[in-house]
């Protein structure tokens, strides 16, 4: 038997073929062991794939995390230290309750596959009922009393009218941004602006009247939970990160704590307008948060995705009334017990 060994280089130069020919003219072809260059190229290919995957993972992480949201949390932490050391403990507690409420609401909204209309109605109803009662029980009497001291309770009424008018105007004008093609998320911007302005008013109220209890502030920020939940659902449907809501979650404290530390002149006429303005703003927000079970409302849009939408919407109207009444009674009961 004779053997003939032929080494042939493939077209790509990456393999060799050994041909063994016997006397019976049977030819056997086998592929030789890869050369060192083959292993080097395979290693480089794997390395490049790993690099691409790692880069994609880092990019995805950055997309999931909002730098502004993280910056807001850092700012709140720094201001909290100043608030505790300088005697703004009440505003500190209110700020972190507001942060926790919105953060938990956003976390739940981001993890939920679909929006539950009943939970949305009860969240809005409880929050709006609590806000209306708090403004009526703790802010309006102060505004009228300070106005009476200054010579006319109508000063407080002027503040209420200004608060409602300005709150409505800001809300209506900001809605126009939803029809403008901008690079930032309009929902997050609106909630952030609302949180920062609410913090300014809360800080100013507690700076003007340090003897106010926690119940007012806690009831005012009670709407942060359902607001965070609803905003996270909208961001989720748009395939955007809910961590951007960390900024409005921290927004109340970012403005409330510095405002509470500023010296406020104890002038009855000015304070009457301030308390009236705060009452008007929070009444507007509370009325805007009342659960609306009408055609075209946010709740109606959620209900339309389910079977028996018309019947369910009628049922939710009863839940809307019940939740709002429970929110009112909760504040009254807490005031009586405390």
C-alpha atoms as a PDB file:
ATOM      1  CA  UNK A   1       0.000   0.000   0.000  1.00  0.00           C
ATOM      2  CA  UNK A   2       1.303   3.444  -0.921  1.00  0.00           C
ATOM      3  CA  UNK A   3       0.416   6.668   0.815  1.00  0.00           C
ATOM      4  CA  UNK A   4       0.260  10.070  -0.703  1.00  0.00           C
ATOM      5  CA  UNK A   5      -0.123  13.033   1.633  1.00  0.00           C
ATOM      6  CA  UNK A   6      -1.257  16.297   0.070  1.00  0.00           C
ATOM      7  CA  UNK A   7      -1.533  19.513   2.029  1.00  0.00           C
ATOM      8  CA  UNK A   8      -3.908  21.983   0.462  1.00  0.00           C
ATOM      9  CA  UNK A   9      -4.645  25.456   1.711  1.00  0.00           C
ATOM     10  CA  UNK A  10      -8.237  26.492   1.565  1.00  0.00           C
ATOM     11  CA  UNK A  11      -9.453  29.605  -0.118  1.00  0.00           C
ATOM     12  CA  UNK A  12      -9.437  31.465   3.175  1.00  0.00           C
ATOM     13  CA  UNK A  13      -6.048  30.032   4.231  1.00  0.00           C
ATOM     14  CA  UNK A  14      -7.431  28.740   7.517  1.00  0.00           C
ATOM     15  CA  UNK A  15      -7.369  24.968   7.124  1.00  0.00           C
ATOM     16  CA  UNK A  16      -5.399  22.127   5.503  1.00  0.00           C
ATOM     17  CA  UNK A  17      -6.587  18.895   3.922  1.00  0.00           C
ATOM     18  CA  UNK A  18      -4.740  15.573   4.131  1.00  0.00           C
ATOM     19  CA  UNK A  19      -5.417  13.073   1.342  1.00  0.00           C
ATOM     20  CA  UNK A  20      -4.471   9.435   1.894  1.00  0.00           C
ATOM     21  CA  UNK A  21      -4.553   7.286  -1.250  1.00  0.00           C
ATOM     22  CA  UNK A  22      -4.173   3.511  -1.110  1.00  0.00           C
ATOM     23  CA  UNK A  23      -3.738   0.864  -3.796  1.00  0.00           C
ATOM     24  CA  UNK A  24      -7.461   0.334  -3.932  1.00  0.00           C
ATOM     25  CA  UNK A  25      -7.887   3.973  -5.052  1.00  0.00           C
ATOM     26  CA  UNK A  26     -10.021   4.769  -2.011  1.00  0.00           C
ATOM     27  CA  UNK A  27      -9.516   8.357  -1.016  1.00  0.00           C
ATOM     28  CA  UNK A  28     -10.025   9.581   2.530  1.00  0.00           C
ATOM     29  CA  UNK A  29     -10.217  13.266   3.232  1.00  0.00           C
ATOM     30  CA  UNK A  30     -10.007  14.668   6.727  1.00  0.00           C
ATOM     31  CA  UNK A  31      -9.588  18.146   8.111  1.00  0.00           C
ATOM     32  CA  UNK A  32      -6.427  18.715  10.034  1.00  0.00           C
ATOM     33  CA  UNK A  33      -6.235  20.239  13.501  1.00  0.00           C
ATOM     34  CA  UNK A  34      -6.747  24.007  13.333  1.00  0.00           C
ATOM     35  CA  UNK A  35      -3.630  26.012  13.144  1.00  0.00           C
ATOM     36  CA  UNK A  36      -2.679  28.513  15.852  1.00  0.00           C
ATOM     37  CA  UNK A  37      -3.978  31.350  13.686  1.00  0.00           C
ATOM     38  CA  UNK A  38      -7.431  29.739  13.782  1.00  0.00           C
ATOM     39  CA  UNK A  39      -7.513  29.839  17.598  1.00  0.00           C
ATOM     40  CA  UNK A  40      -6.360  33.425  17.616  1.00  0.00           C
ATOM     41  CA  UNK A  41      -9.112  34.501  15.241  1.00  0.00           C
ATOM     42  CA  UNK A  42     -11.760  32.566  17.176  1.00  0.00           C
ATOM     43  CA  UNK A  43     -10.563  34.141  20.440  1.00  0.00           C
ATOM     44  CA  UNK A  44     -10.703  37.614  18.936  1.00  0.00           C
ATOM     45  CA  UNK A  45     -14.225  36.944  17.665  1.00  0.00           C
ATOM     46  CA  UNK A  46     -15.404  35.854  21.108  1.00  0.00           C
ATOM     47  CA  UNK A  47     -13.683  38.826  22.722  1.00  0.00           C
ATOM     48  CA  UNK A  48     -15.330  41.252  20.294  1.00  0.00           C
ATOM     49  CA  UNK A  49     -18.755  39.718  20.909  1.00  0.00           C
ATOM     50  CA  UNK A  50     -18.244  40.039  24.670  1.00  0.00           C
ATOM     51  CA  UNK A  51     -17.226  43.671  24.258  1.00  0.00           C
ATOM     52  CA  UNK A  52     -20.328  44.437  22.198  1.00  0.00           C
ATOM     53  CA  UNK A  53     -22.589  42.718  24.729  1.00  0.00           C
ATOM     54  CA  UNK A  54     -20.975  44.522  27.645  1.00  0.00           C
ATOM     55  CA  UNK A  55     -21.298  47.865  25.890  1.00  0.00           C
ATOM     56  CA  UNK A  56     -24.937  47.168  25.154  1.00  0.00           C
ATOM     57  CA  UNK A  57     -25.503  46.278  28.801  1.00  0.00           C
ATOM     58  CA  UNK A  58     -23.921  49.519  30.000  1.00  0.00           C
ATOM     59  CA  UNK A  59     -25.990  51.519  27.515  1.00  0.00           C
ATOM     60  CA  UNK A  60     -29.163  49.760  28.633  1.00  0.00           C
ATOM     61  CA  UNK A  61     -28.353  50.477  32.281  1.00  0.00           C
ATOM     62  CA  UNK A  62     -27.845  54.145  31.508  1.00  0.00           C
ATOM     63  CA  UNK A  63     -31.156  54.221  29.684  1.00  0.00           C
ATOM     64  CA  UNK A  64     -32.907  52.609  32.653  1.00  0.00           C
ATOM     65  CA  UNK A  65     -31.407  55.059  35.154  1.00  0.00           C
ATOM     66  CA  UNK A  66     -32.187  58.767  35.081  1.00  0.00           C
ATOM     67  CA  UNK A  67     -29.238  60.971  36.006  1.00  0.00           C
ATOM     68  CA  UNK A  68     -31.591  63.830  36.899  1.00  0.00           C
ATOM     69  CA  UNK A  69     -33.557  61.496  39.152  1.00  0.00           C
ATOM     70  CA  UNK A  70     -30.409  60.395  40.967  1.00  0.00           C
ATOM     71  CA  UNK A  71     -29.262  64.026  41.244  1.00  0.00           C
ATOM     72  CA  UNK A  72     -32.595  64.912  42.833  1.00  0.00           C
ATOM     73  CA  UNK A  73     -32.170  62.221  45.486  1.00  0.00           C
ATOM     74  CA  UNK A  74     -28.637  63.419  46.248  1.00  0.00           C
ATOM     75  CA  UNK A  75     -29.865  67.008  46.598  1.00  0.00           C
ATOM     76  CA  UNK A  76     -32.647  65.921  48.947  1.00  0.00           C
ATOM     77  CA  UNK A  77     -30.168  64.003  51.118  1.00  0.00           C
ATOM     78  CA  UNK A  78     -27.923  67.054  51.434  1.00  0.00           C
ATOM     79  CA  UNK A  79     -30.802  69.407  52.234  1.00  0.00           C
ATOM     80  CA  UNK A  80     -32.196  66.926  54.771  1.00  0.00           C
ATOM     81  CA  UNK A  81     -29.013  67.182  56.824  1.00  0.00           C
ATOM     82  CA  UNK A  82     -29.357  70.964  56.853  1.00  0.00           C
ATOM     83  CA  UNK A  83     -33.048  70.727  57.735  1.00  0.00           C
ATOM     84  CA  UNK A  84     -32.468  68.495  60.745  1.00  0.00           C
ATOM     85  CA  UNK A  85     -29.560  70.503  62.108  1.00  0.00           C
ATOM     86  CA  UNK A  86     -31.351  73.846  61.680  1.00  0.00           C
ATOM     87  CA  UNK A  87     -34.713  72.925  63.182  1.00  0.00           C
ATOM     88  CA  UNK A  88     -36.937  72.102  60.200  1.00  0.00           C
ATOM     89  CA  UNK A  89     -37.893  68.640  61.444  1.00  0.00           C
ATOM     90  CA  UNK A  90     -41.548  68.833  60.381  1.00  0.00           C
ATOM     91  CA  UNK A  91     -40.731  69.823  56.817  1.00  0.00           C
ATOM     92  CA  UNK A  92     -38.049  67.135  56.777  1.00  0.00           C
ATOM     93  CA  UNK A  93     -40.628  64.462  57.648  1.00  0.00           C
ATOM     94  CA  UNK A  94     -43.149  65.788  55.119  1.00  0.00           C
ATOM     95  CA  UNK A  95     -40.488  65.868  52.395  1.00  0.00           C
ATOM     96  CA  UNK A  96     -39.473  62.260  52.901  1.00  0.00           C
ATOM     97  CA  UNK A  97     -43.067  61.060  53.168  1.00  0.00           C
ATOM     98  CA  UNK A  98     -43.730  62.747  49.818  1.00  0.00           C
ATOM     99  CA  UNK A  99     -40.614  61.126  48.355  1.00  0.00           C
ATOM    100  CA  UNK A 100     -41.520  57.674  49.643  1.00  0.00           C
ATOM    101  CA  UNK A 101     -45.131  57.960  48.450  1.00  0.00           C
ATOM    102  CA  UNK A 102     -44.201  58.871  44.884  1.00  0.00           C
ATOM    103  CA  UNK A 103     -41.258  56.457  44.718  1.00  0.00           C
ATOM    104  CA  UNK A 104     -43.388  53.522  45.880  1.00  0.00           C
ATOM    105  CA  UNK A 105     -46.228  54.542  43.563  1.00  0.00           C
ATOM    106  CA  UNK A 106     -43.816  54.776  40.618  1.00  0.00           C
ATOM    107  CA  UNK A 107     -42.254  51.417  41.508  1.00  0.00           C
ATOM    108  CA  UNK A 108     -45.657  49.741  41.574  1.00  0.00           C
ATOM    109  CA  UNK A 109     -46.694  51.438  38.343  1.00  0.00           C
ATOM    110  CA  UNK A 110     -43.498  50.374  36.601  1.00  0.00           C
ATOM    111  CA  UNK A 111     -43.886  46.731  37.633  1.00  0.00           C
ATOM    112  CA  UNK A 112     -47.585  46.423  36.829  1.00  0.00           C
ATOM    113  CA  UNK A 113     -48.438  44.925  33.451  1.00  0.00           C
ATOM    114  CA  UNK A 114     -51.670  46.916  33.167  1.00  0.00           C
ATOM    115  CA  UNK A 115     -53.368  49.752  35.042  1.00  0.00           C
ATOM    116  CA  UNK A 116     -56.004  48.704  37.563  1.00  0.00           C
ATOM    117  CA  UNK A 117     -58.877  51.231  37.267  1.00  0.00           C
ATOM    118  CA  UNK A 118     -60.255  50.509  40.752  1.00  0.00           C
ATOM    119  CA  UNK A 119     -56.909  51.174  42.420  1.00  0.00           C
ATOM    120  CA  UNK A 120     -56.502  54.335  40.380  1.00  0.00           C
ATOM    121  CA  UNK A 121     -59.927  55.620  41.440  1.00  0.00           C
ATOM    122  CA  UNK A 122     -59.352  54.870  45.109  1.00  0.00           C
ATOM    123  CA  UNK A 123     -55.913  56.420  45.062  1.00  0.00           C
ATOM    124  CA  UNK A 124     -57.188  59.637  43.492  1.00  0.00           C
ATOM    125  CA  UNK A 125     -60.294  59.747  45.679  1.00  0.00           C
ATOM    126  CA  UNK A 126     -58.504  59.249  48.990  1.00  0.00           C
ATOM    127  CA  UNK A 127     -55.837  61.811  48.126  1.00  0.00           C
ATOM    128  CA  UNK A 128     -58.222  64.489  46.850  1.00  0.00           C
ATOM    129  CA  UNK A 129     -60.582  64.073  49.818  1.00  0.00           C
ATOM    130  CA  UNK A 130     -57.683  64.409  52.251  1.00  0.00           C
ATOM    131  CA  UNK A 131     -56.308  67.495  50.461  1.00  0.00           C
ATOM    132  CA  UNK A 132     -59.665  69.287  50.309  1.00  0.00           C
ATOM    133  CA  UNK A 133     -60.305  68.696  54.003  1.00  0.00           C
ATOM    134  CA  UNK A 134     -56.801  69.754  55.046  1.00  0.00           C
ATOM    135  CA  UNK A 135     -56.956  72.989  53.080  1.00  0.00           C
ATOM    136  CA  UNK A 136     -60.431  73.755  54.444  1.00  0.00           C
ATOM    137  CA  UNK A 137     -59.583  72.925  58.068  1.00  0.00           C
ATOM    138  CA  UNK A 138     -56.031  74.227  58.473  1.00  0.00           C
ATOM    139  CA  UNK A 139     -55.336  76.849  55.813  1.00  0.00           C
ATOM    140  CA  UNK A 140     -58.588  78.699  55.214  1.00  0.00           C
ATOM    141  CA  UNK A 141     -59.250  79.482  58.916  1.00  0.00           C
ATOM    142  CA  UNK A 142     -55.678  80.744  59.303  1.00  0.00           C
ATOM    143  CA  UNK A 143     -56.028  82.956  56.237  1.00  0.00           C
ATOM    144  CA  UNK A 144     -59.287  84.470  57.436  1.00  0.00           C
ATOM    145  CA  UNK A 145     -58.040  84.858  61.006  1.00  0.00           C
ATOM    146  CA  UNK A 146     -54.862  86.629  59.945  1.00  0.00           C
ATOM    147  CA  UNK A 147     -56.887  88.818  57.603  1.00  0.00           C
ATOM    148  CA  UNK A 148     -59.194  89.730  60.488  1.00  0.00           C
ATOM    149  CA  UNK A 149     -56.160  90.667  62.561  1.00  0.00           C
ATOM    150  CA  UNK A 150     -54.860  92.823  59.695  1.00  0.00           C
ATOM    151  CA  UNK A 151     -58.213  94.612  59.387  1.00  0.00           C
ATOM    152  CA  UNK A 152     -60.189  92.543  56.893  1.00  0.00           C
ATOM    153  CA  UNK A 153     -60.697  88.776  56.426  1.00  0.00           C
ATOM    154  CA  UNK A 154     -61.109  89.518  52.719  1.00  0.00           C
ATOM    155  CA  UNK A 155     -57.320  89.565  52.454  1.00  0.00           C
ATOM    156  CA  UNK A 156     -57.399  85.822  52.972  1.00  0.00           C
ATOM    157  CA  UNK A 157     -60.099  85.541  50.311  1.00  0.00           C
ATOM    158  CA  UNK A 158     -57.914  87.439  47.853  1.00  0.00           C
ATOM    159  CA  UNK A 159     -55.158  84.907  48.444  1.00  0.00           C
ATOM    160  CA  UNK A 160     -57.548  81.995  47.853  1.00  0.00           C
ATOM    161  CA  UNK A 161     -58.755  83.459  44.565  1.00  0.00           C
ATOM    162  CA  UNK A 162     -55.184  84.130  43.433  1.00  0.00           C
ATOM    163  CA  UNK A 163     -54.118  80.577  44.305  1.00  0.00           C
ATOM    164  CA  UNK A 164     -56.948  78.951  42.379  1.00  0.00           C
ATOM    165  CA  UNK A 165     -56.510  81.230  39.364  1.00  0.00           C
ATOM    166  CA  UNK A 166     -52.735  80.809  39.177  1.00  0.00           C
ATOM    167  CA  UNK A 167     -52.942  77.054  39.752  1.00  0.00           C
ATOM    168  CA  UNK A 168     -55.493  76.673  36.985  1.00  0.00           C
ATOM    169  CA  UNK A 169     -53.542  78.917  34.600  1.00  0.00           C
ATOM    170  CA  UNK A 170     -50.261  77.084  35.134  1.00  0.00           C
ATOM    171  CA  UNK A 171     -51.931  73.695  34.680  1.00  0.00           C
ATOM    172  CA  UNK A 172     -53.734  74.754  31.500  1.00  0.00           C
ATOM    173  CA  UNK A 173     -50.739  76.410  29.858  1.00  0.00           C
ATOM    174  CA  UNK A 174     -48.401  73.532  30.715  1.00  0.00           C
ATOM    175  CA  UNK A 175     -50.800  71.158  28.950  1.00  0.00           C
ATOM    176  CA  UNK A 176     -49.877  72.830  25.654  1.00  0.00           C
ATOM    177  CA  UNK A 177     -46.425  71.253  25.945  1.00  0.00           C
ATOM    178  CA  UNK A 178     -47.981  67.855  25.274  1.00  0.00           C
ATOM    179  CA  UNK A 179     -48.563  68.963  21.666  1.00  0.00           C
ATOM    180  CA  UNK A 180     -44.981  70.191  21.163  1.00  0.00           C
ATOM    181  CA  UNK A 181     -42.183  67.935  19.963  1.00  0.00           C
ATOM    182  CA  UNK A 182     -39.533  68.336  22.677  1.00  0.00           C
ATOM    183  CA  UNK A 183     -36.537  66.234  23.713  1.00  0.00           C
ATOM    184  CA  UNK A 184     -37.625  65.779  27.338  1.00  0.00           C
ATOM    185  CA  UNK A 185     -40.577  63.896  28.782  1.00  0.00           C
ATOM    186  CA  UNK A 186     -43.465  66.322  29.296  1.00  0.00           C
ATOM    187  CA  UNK A 187     -45.167  64.193  31.960  1.00  0.00           C
ATOM    188  CA  UNK A 188     -42.070  64.202  34.153  1.00  0.00           C
ATOM    189  CA  UNK A 189     -41.577  67.934  33.584  1.00  0.00           C
ATOM    190  CA  UNK A 190     -45.138  68.767  34.639  1.00  0.00           C
ATOM    191  CA  UNK A 191     -44.956  66.646  37.788  1.00  0.00           C
ATOM    192  CA  UNK A 192     -41.557  68.097  38.682  1.00  0.00           C
ATOM    193  CA  UNK A 193     -42.791  71.673  38.319  1.00  0.00           C
ATOM    194  CA  UNK A 194     -45.815  70.843  40.458  1.00  0.00           C
ATOM    195  CA  UNK A 195     -43.675  69.216  43.154  1.00  0.00           C
ATOM    196  CA  UNK A 196     -41.230  72.129  43.297  1.00  0.00           C
ATOM    197  CA  UNK A 197     -44.033  74.705  43.579  1.00  0.00           C
ATOM    198  CA  UNK A 198     -45.852  72.642  46.213  1.00  0.00           C
ATOM    199  CA  UNK A 199     -42.626  72.446  48.197  1.00  0.00           C
ATOM    200  CA  UNK A 200     -42.220  76.212  48.072  1.00  0.00           C
ATOM    201  CA  UNK A 201     -45.698  76.728  49.475  1.00  0.00           C
ATOM    202  CA  UNK A 202     -45.354  74.042  52.161  1.00  0.00           C
ATOM    203  CA  UNK A 203     -42.033  75.483  53.296  1.00  0.00           C
ATOM    204  CA  UNK A 204     -43.430  79.010  53.342  1.00  0.00           C
ATOM    205  CA  UNK A 205     -46.510  77.961  55.333  1.00  0.00           C
ATOM    206  CA  UNK A 206     -44.483  76.156  57.986  1.00  0.00           C
ATOM    207  CA  UNK A 207     -41.972  79.009  58.161  1.00  0.00           C
ATOM    208  CA  UNK A 208     -44.843  81.454  58.729  1.00  0.00           C
ATOM    209  CA  UNK A 209     -46.610  79.231  61.266  1.00  0.00           C
ATOM    210  CA  UNK A 210     -44.107  76.847  62.945  1.00  0.00           C
ATOM    211  CA  UNK A 211     -46.809  75.625  65.321  1.00  0.00           C
ATOM    212  CA  UNK A 212     -48.701  73.820  62.558  1.00  0.00           C
ATOM    213  CA  UNK A 213     -48.845  70.062  63.004  1.00  0.00           C
ATOM    214  CA  UNK A 214     -47.698  67.377  60.611  1.00  0.00           C
ATOM    215  CA  UNK A 215     -51.240  66.443  59.593  1.00  0.00           C
ATOM    216  CA  UNK A 216     -51.587  69.346  57.151  1.00  0.00           C
ATOM    217  CA  UNK A 217     -48.399  68.602  55.266  1.00  0.00           C
ATOM    218  CA  UNK A 218     -48.925  64.848  55.224  1.00  0.00           C
ATOM    219  CA  UNK A 219     -52.440  65.215  53.851  1.00  0.00           C
ATOM    220  CA  UNK A 220     -51.241  67.671  51.215  1.00  0.00           C
ATOM    221  CA  UNK A 221     -48.594  65.264  49.864  1.00  0.00           C
ATOM    222  CA  UNK A 222     -50.874  62.221  50.040  1.00  0.00           C
ATOM    223  CA  UNK A 223     -51.564  62.545  46.319  1.00  0.00           C
ATOM    224  CA  UNK A 224     -47.929  61.761  45.480  1.00  0.00           C
ATOM    225  CA  UNK A 225     -48.582  58.021  45.623  1.00  0.00           C
ATOM    226  CA  UNK A 226     -51.323  57.816  42.982  1.00  0.00           C
ATOM    227  CA  UNK A 227     -49.594  60.520  40.932  1.00  0.00           C
ATOM    228  CA  UNK A 228     -46.406  58.460  40.819  1.00  0.00           C
ATOM    229  CA  UNK A 229     -48.330  55.312  39.920  1.00  0.00           C
ATOM    230  CA  UNK A 230     -50.197  56.966  37.036  1.00  0.00           C
ATOM    231  CA  UNK A 231     -47.072  58.705  35.726  1.00  0.00           C
ATOM    232  CA  UNK A 232     -45.076  55.467  35.808  1.00  0.00           C
ATOM    233  CA  UNK A 233     -47.782  53.691  33.836  1.00  0.00           C
ATOM    234  CA  UNK A 234     -47.637  56.409  31.150  1.00  0.00           C
ATOM    235  CA  UNK A 235     -43.845  56.208  31.008  1.00  0.00           C
ATOM    236  CA  UNK A 236     -43.985  52.419  30.832  1.00  0.00           C
ATOM    237  CA  UNK A 237     -46.391  52.512  27.895  1.00  0.00           C
ATOM    238  CA  UNK A 238     -44.000  54.906  26.139  1.00  0.00           C
ATOM    239  CA  UNK A 239     -41.064  52.537  26.881  1.00  0.00           C
ATOM    240  CA  UNK A 240     -39.345  55.129  29.098  1.00  0.00           C
ATOM    241  CA  UNK A 241     -37.644  54.685  32.463  1.00  0.00           C
ATOM    242  CA  UNK A 242     -39.711  55.407  35.581  1.00  0.00           C
ATOM    243  CA  UNK A 243     -36.548  56.365  37.490  1.00  0.00           C
ATOM    244  CA  UNK A 244     -36.991  59.853  36.040  1.00  0.00           C
ATOM    245  CA  UNK A 245     -39.784  60.242  38.620  1.00  0.00           C
ATOM    246  CA  UNK A 246     -37.183  60.284  41.397  1.00  0.00           C
ATOM    247  CA  UNK A 247     -36.712  63.989  40.592  1.00  0.00           C
ATOM    248  CA  UNK A 248     -40.343  65.062  41.239  1.00  0.00           C
ATOM    249  CA  UNK A 249     -40.422  62.656  44.195  1.00  0.00           C
ATOM    250  CA  UNK A 250     -37.581  64.643  45.761  1.00  0.00           C
ATOM    251  CA  UNK A 251     -38.930  67.954  44.444  1.00  0.00           C
ATOM    252  CA  UNK A 252     -41.085  68.786  47.465  1.00  0.00           C
ATOM    253  CA  UNK A 253     -38.135  68.541  49.834  1.00  0.00           C
ATOM    254  CA  UNK A 254     -35.732  70.309  47.463  1.00  0.00           C
ATOM    255  CA  UNK A 255     -37.744  73.523  47.739  1.00  0.00           C
ATOM    256  CA  UNK A 256     -39.637  73.052  51.039  1.00  0.00           C
ATOM    257  CA  UNK A 257     -36.602  72.617  53.293  1.00  0.00           C
ATOM    258  CA  UNK A 258     -34.703  75.759  52.146  1.00  0.00           C
ATOM    259  CA  UNK A 259     -37.913  77.802  52.245  1.00  0.00           C
ATOM    260  CA  UNK A 260     -38.682  76.651  55.776  1.00  0.00           C
ATOM    261  CA  UNK A 261     -35.234  77.827  56.910  1.00  0.00           C
ATOM    262  CA  UNK A 262     -35.679  81.375  55.586  1.00  0.00           C
ATOM    263  CA  UNK A 263     -36.796  84.156  57.954  1.00  0.00           C
ATOM    264  CA  UNK A 264     -40.390  85.186  57.246  1.00  0.00           C
ATOM    265  CA  UNK A 265     -41.681  88.595  58.413  1.00  0.00           C
ATOM    266  CA  UNK A 266     -44.620  88.194  60.776  1.00  0.00           C
ATOM    267  CA  UNK A 267     -46.933  90.675  59.061  1.00  0.00           C
ATOM    268  CA  UNK A 268     -50.599  89.629  59.421  1.00  0.00           C
ATOM    269  CA  UNK A 269     -51.699  91.126  56.117  1.00  0.00           C
ATOM    270  CA  UNK A 270     -48.953  89.344  54.163  1.00  0.00           C
ATOM    271  CA  UNK A 271     -49.441  86.068  55.986  1.00  0.00           C
ATOM    272  CA  UNK A 272     -53.200  86.226  55.364  1.00  0.00           C
ATOM    273  CA  UNK A 273     -52.582  86.399  51.620  1.00  0.00           C
ATOM    274  CA  UNK A 274     -49.903  83.662  51.846  1.00  0.00           C
ATOM    275  CA  UNK A 275     -52.164  81.234  53.685  1.00  0.00           C
ATOM    276  CA  UNK A 276     -55.057  82.046  51.380  1.00  0.00           C
ATOM    277  CA  UNK A 277     -52.848  81.521  48.337  1.00  0.00           C
ATOM    278  CA  UNK A 278     -51.674  78.161  49.702  1.00  0.00           C
ATOM    279  CA  UNK A 279     -55.283  77.128  50.334  1.00  0.00           C
ATOM    280  CA  UNK A 280     -56.257  78.122  46.781  1.00  0.00           C
ATOM    281  CA  UNK A 281     -53.364  76.215  45.190  1.00  0.00           C
ATOM    282  CA  UNK A 282     -54.026  73.042  47.146  1.00  0.00           C
ATOM    283  CA  UNK A 283     -57.776  73.251  46.581  1.00  0.00           C
ATOM    284  CA  UNK A 284     -57.136  73.497  42.850  1.00  0.00           C
ATOM    285  CA  UNK A 285     -54.817  70.475  42.944  1.00  0.00           C
ATOM    286  CA  UNK A 286     -57.321  68.528  45.035  1.00  0.00           C
ATOM    287  CA  UNK A 287     -60.186  69.304  42.667  1.00  0.00           C
ATOM    288  CA  UNK A 288     -58.005  68.311  39.724  1.00  0.00           C
ATOM    289  CA  UNK A 289     -57.274  64.979  41.433  1.00  0.00           C
ATOM    290  CA  UNK A 290     -60.929  64.130  42.034  1.00  0.00           C
ATOM    291  CA  UNK A 291     -61.509  60.824  40.174  1.00  0.00           C
ATOM    292  CA  UNK A 292     -63.352  61.637  36.960  1.00  0.00           C
ATOM    293  CA  UNK A 293     -65.281  58.721  35.494  1.00  0.00           C
ATOM    294  CA  UNK A 294     -66.468  60.518  32.383  1.00  0.00           C
ATOM    295  CA  UNK A 295     -65.927  59.847  28.692  1.00  0.00           C
ATOM    296  CA  UNK A 296     -62.453  60.861  27.609  1.00  0.00           C
ATOM    297  CA  UNK A 297     -61.014  60.940  31.137  1.00  0.00           C
ATOM    298  CA  UNK A 298     -57.883  59.062  32.168  1.00  0.00           C
ATOM    299  CA  UNK A 299     -59.965  56.466  33.990  1.00  0.00           C
ATOM    300  CA  UNK A 300     -62.195  56.033  30.942  1.00  0.00           C
ATOM    301  CA  UNK A 301     -59.132  55.360  28.777  1.00  0.00           C
ATOM    302  CA  UNK A 302     -58.051  52.600  31.173  1.00  0.00           C
ATOM    303  CA  UNK A 303     -61.536  51.096  31.363  1.00  0.00           C
ATOM    304  CA  UNK A 304     -61.910  50.941  27.570  1.00  0.00           C
ATOM    305  CA  UNK A 305     -59.187  48.285  27.504  1.00  0.00           C
ATOM    306  CA  UNK A 306     -61.382  45.859  29.457  1.00  0.00           C
ATOM    307  CA  UNK A 307     -64.591  43.972  28.757  1.00  0.00           C
ATOM    308  CA  UNK A 308     -67.876  45.521  29.886  1.00  0.00           C
ATOM    309  CA  UNK A 309     -66.339  48.995  29.866  1.00  0.00           C
ATOM    310  CA  UNK A 310     -69.612  50.928  30.163  1.00  0.00           C
ATOM    311  CA  UNK A 311     -70.869  48.905  33.130  1.00  0.00           C
ATOM    312  CA  UNK A 312     -67.472  49.090  34.841  1.00  0.00           C
ATOM    313  CA  UNK A 313     -67.330  52.871  34.397  1.00  0.00           C
ATOM    314  CA  UNK A 314     -70.739  53.219  36.079  1.00  0.00           C
ATOM    315  CA  UNK A 315     -69.541  51.045  38.948  1.00  0.00           C
ATOM    316  CA  UNK A 316     -66.390  53.111  39.351  1.00  0.00           C
ATOM    317  CA  UNK A 317     -68.460  56.256  39.835  1.00  0.00           C
ATOM    318  CA  UNK A 318     -69.693  54.791  43.117  1.00  0.00           C
ATOM    319  CA  UNK A 319     -66.110  53.973  44.084  1.00  0.00           C
ATOM    320  CA  UNK A 320     -65.082  57.559  43.240  1.00  0.00           C
ATOM    321  CA  UNK A 321     -67.641  59.040  45.630  1.00  0.00           C
ATOM    322  CA  UNK A 322     -66.882  56.510  48.375  1.00  0.00           C
ATOM    323  CA  UNK A 323     -63.099  56.995  48.175  1.00  0.00           C
ATOM    324  CA  UNK A 324     -63.381  60.780  48.340  1.00  0.00           C
ATOM    325  CA  UNK A 325     -65.645  60.620  51.400  1.00  0.00           C
ATOM    326  CA  UNK A 326     -63.265  58.199  53.098  1.00  0.00           C
ATOM    327  CA  UNK A 327     -60.405  60.609  52.426  1.00  0.00           C
ATOM    328  CA  UNK A 328     -62.355  63.440  54.054  1.00  0.00           C
ATOM    329  CA  UNK A 329     -63.292  61.357  57.102  1.00  0.00           C
ATOM    330  CA  UNK A 330     -59.714  60.104  57.518  1.00  0.00           C
ATOM    331  CA  UNK A 331     -58.360  63.637  57.999  1.00  0.00           C
ATOM    332  CA  UNK A 332     -61.183  64.592  60.359  1.00  0.00           C
ATOM    333  CA  UNK A 333     -60.621  61.450  62.419  1.00  0.00           C
ATOM    334  CA  UNK A 334     -56.869  62.016  62.542  1.00  0.00           C
ATOM    335  CA  UNK A 335     -57.413  65.618  63.669  1.00  0.00           C
ATOM    336  CA  UNK A 336     -59.788  64.460  66.418  1.00  0.00           C
ATOM    337  CA  UNK A 337     -57.370  61.815  67.670  1.00  0.00           C
ATOM    338  CA  UNK A 338     -54.294  64.018  67.548  1.00  0.00           C
END
